[in-house]
Amino acid sequence: MSLIEEALRILCHSGLISAYLISAKLGISVSEAESIIGALLAEGYLKARRIESCGSCPLKNICPYAGKAKPREIYYLTNRGREACRRIAELK
C-alpha cells in the first residue's frame, strides 16, 4: 500500500487531519506529509481549512504537536474523498 493510500485510510477513519498528524501516524516528515496532502488535494479528495492557532483547532486534543508547531491548515474529506473511503471499506 502506498503512503497516499495509507494517509487516505487515516482520513477515512478520522474525518479531519493535519500534516503533523499524518507525519506522526506514518512515521514520515511533515514535508512528506504535506506532499501527500497536496496529491490528495489535487485529486479532489480533500479540502483545506486554515487554522489560526492550536487553541482553535478541532484536532488540538489529539495532535502530538499542539502548542509546539506553527498551526497551518487542517484537511477534511470532500464528497469524492468519502466515496473513496466507501470503496476502501468494501475491499476489507
Protein backbone atom coordinates (compact mmCIF):
# COMPACT_ATOMS: atom_id res chain seq x y z
CA MET A 1 0.00 0.00 0.00
CA SER A 2 1.34 3.44 -0.88
CA LEU A 3 1.75 6.26 1.62
CA ILE A 4 -1.04 8.14 -0.16
CA GLU A 5 -3.39 5.18 0.35
CA GLU A 6 -2.35 4.88 3.99
CA ALA A 7 -2.97 8.61 4.54
CA LEU A 8 -6.39 8.29 2.92
CA ARG A 9 -7.23 5.38 5.23
CA ILE A 10 -6.30 7.55 8.22
CA LEU A 11 -8.56 10.29 6.90
CA CYS A 12 -11.39 7.83 6.34
CA HIS A 13 -11.19 6.88 10.00
CA SER A 14 -10.78 10.37 11.48
CA GLY A 15 -12.51 12.69 9.00
CA LEU A 16 -10.08 15.52 9.84
CA ILE A 17 -6.30 15.50 9.68
CA SER A 18 -3.26 17.74 9.67
CA ALA A 19 0.15 17.27 8.11
CA TYR A 20 1.52 16.91 11.64
CA LEU A 21 -0.82 14.02 12.45
CA ILE A 22 -0.12 12.25 9.17
CA SER A 23 3.62 12.57 9.77
CA ALA A 24 3.26 11.15 13.29
CA LYS A 25 0.97 8.29 12.27
CA LEU A 26 3.01 7.26 9.22
CA GLY A 27 6.45 7.96 10.66
CA ILE A 28 7.39 10.40 7.91
CA SER A 29 8.50 14.04 7.87
CA VAL A 30 5.97 16.87 7.89
CA SER A 31 7.19 17.92 4.42
CA GLU A 32 6.50 14.39 3.11
CA ALA A 33 3.04 14.52 4.70
CA GLU A 34 2.43 17.89 3.03
CA SER A 35 3.35 16.34 -0.33
CA ILE A 36 0.84 13.53 0.23
CA ILE A 37 -1.82 16.06 1.19
CA GLY A 38 -1.01 18.05 -1.96
CA ALA A 39 -1.65 14.96 -4.07
CA LEU A 40 -4.95 14.26 -2.30
CA LEU A 41 -5.99 17.91 -2.70
CA ALA A 42 -5.12 17.84 -6.41
CA GLU A 43 -7.25 14.73 -6.89
CA GLY A 44 -10.19 16.38 -5.14
CA TYR A 45 -10.25 14.06 -2.11
CA LEU A 46 -9.60 16.82 0.43
CA LYS A 47 -10.41 20.44 1.21
CA ALA A 48 -8.31 22.69 3.42
CA ARG A 49 -9.35 24.85 6.35
CA ARG A 50 -6.95 27.48 7.69
CA ILE A 51 -6.20 27.32 11.42
CA GLU A 52 -5.03 30.47 13.17
CA SER A 53 -3.90 28.87 16.44
CA CYS A 54 -3.68 25.49 18.13
CA GLY A 55 -6.41 26.63 20.52
CA SER A 56 -8.90 27.00 17.65
CA CYS A 57 -8.05 23.68 16.02
CA PRO A 58 -10.54 20.81 16.38
CA LEU A 59 -7.56 18.41 16.48
CA LYS A 60 -5.87 20.11 19.45
CA ASN A 61 -6.68 17.27 21.87
CA ILE A 62 -5.09 14.56 19.71
CA CYS A 63 -2.32 16.42 17.87
CA PRO A 64 1.15 15.44 19.07
CA TYR A 65 2.41 18.89 18.04
CA ALA A 66 -0.28 21.00 19.76
CA GLY A 67 1.35 24.16 21.06
CA LYS A 68 4.74 23.14 19.64
CA ALA A 69 4.31 23.88 15.95
CA LYS A 70 3.08 26.80 13.93
CA PRO A 71 -0.52 25.93 13.01
CA ARG A 72 -1.27 25.85 9.33
CA GLU A 73 -4.24 24.02 7.94
CA ILE A 74 -6.36 21.03 8.66
CA TYR A 75 -7.91 18.92 5.96
CA TYR A 76 -11.25 17.20 5.63
CA LEU A 77 -12.78 14.80 3.14
CA THR A 78 -14.79 16.01 0.18
CA ASN A 79 -17.66 14.02 -1.32
CA ARG A 80 -15.12 12.41 -3.65
CA GLY A 81 -12.95 11.53 -0.64
CA ARG A 82 -15.89 10.00 1.21
CA GLU A 83 -16.71 7.92 -1.87
CA ALA A 84 -13.10 6.67 -1.94
CA CYS A 85 -13.48 5.72 1.73
CA ARG A 86 -16.59 3.70 0.92
CA ARG A 87 -14.65 1.84 -1.81
CA ILE A 88 -11.77 1.19 0.61
CA ALA A 89 -14.19 -0.16 3.22
CA GLU A 90 -15.72 -2.53 0.65
CA LEU A 91 -12.28 -4.01 -0.06
CA LYS A 92 -11.87 -5.25 3.51
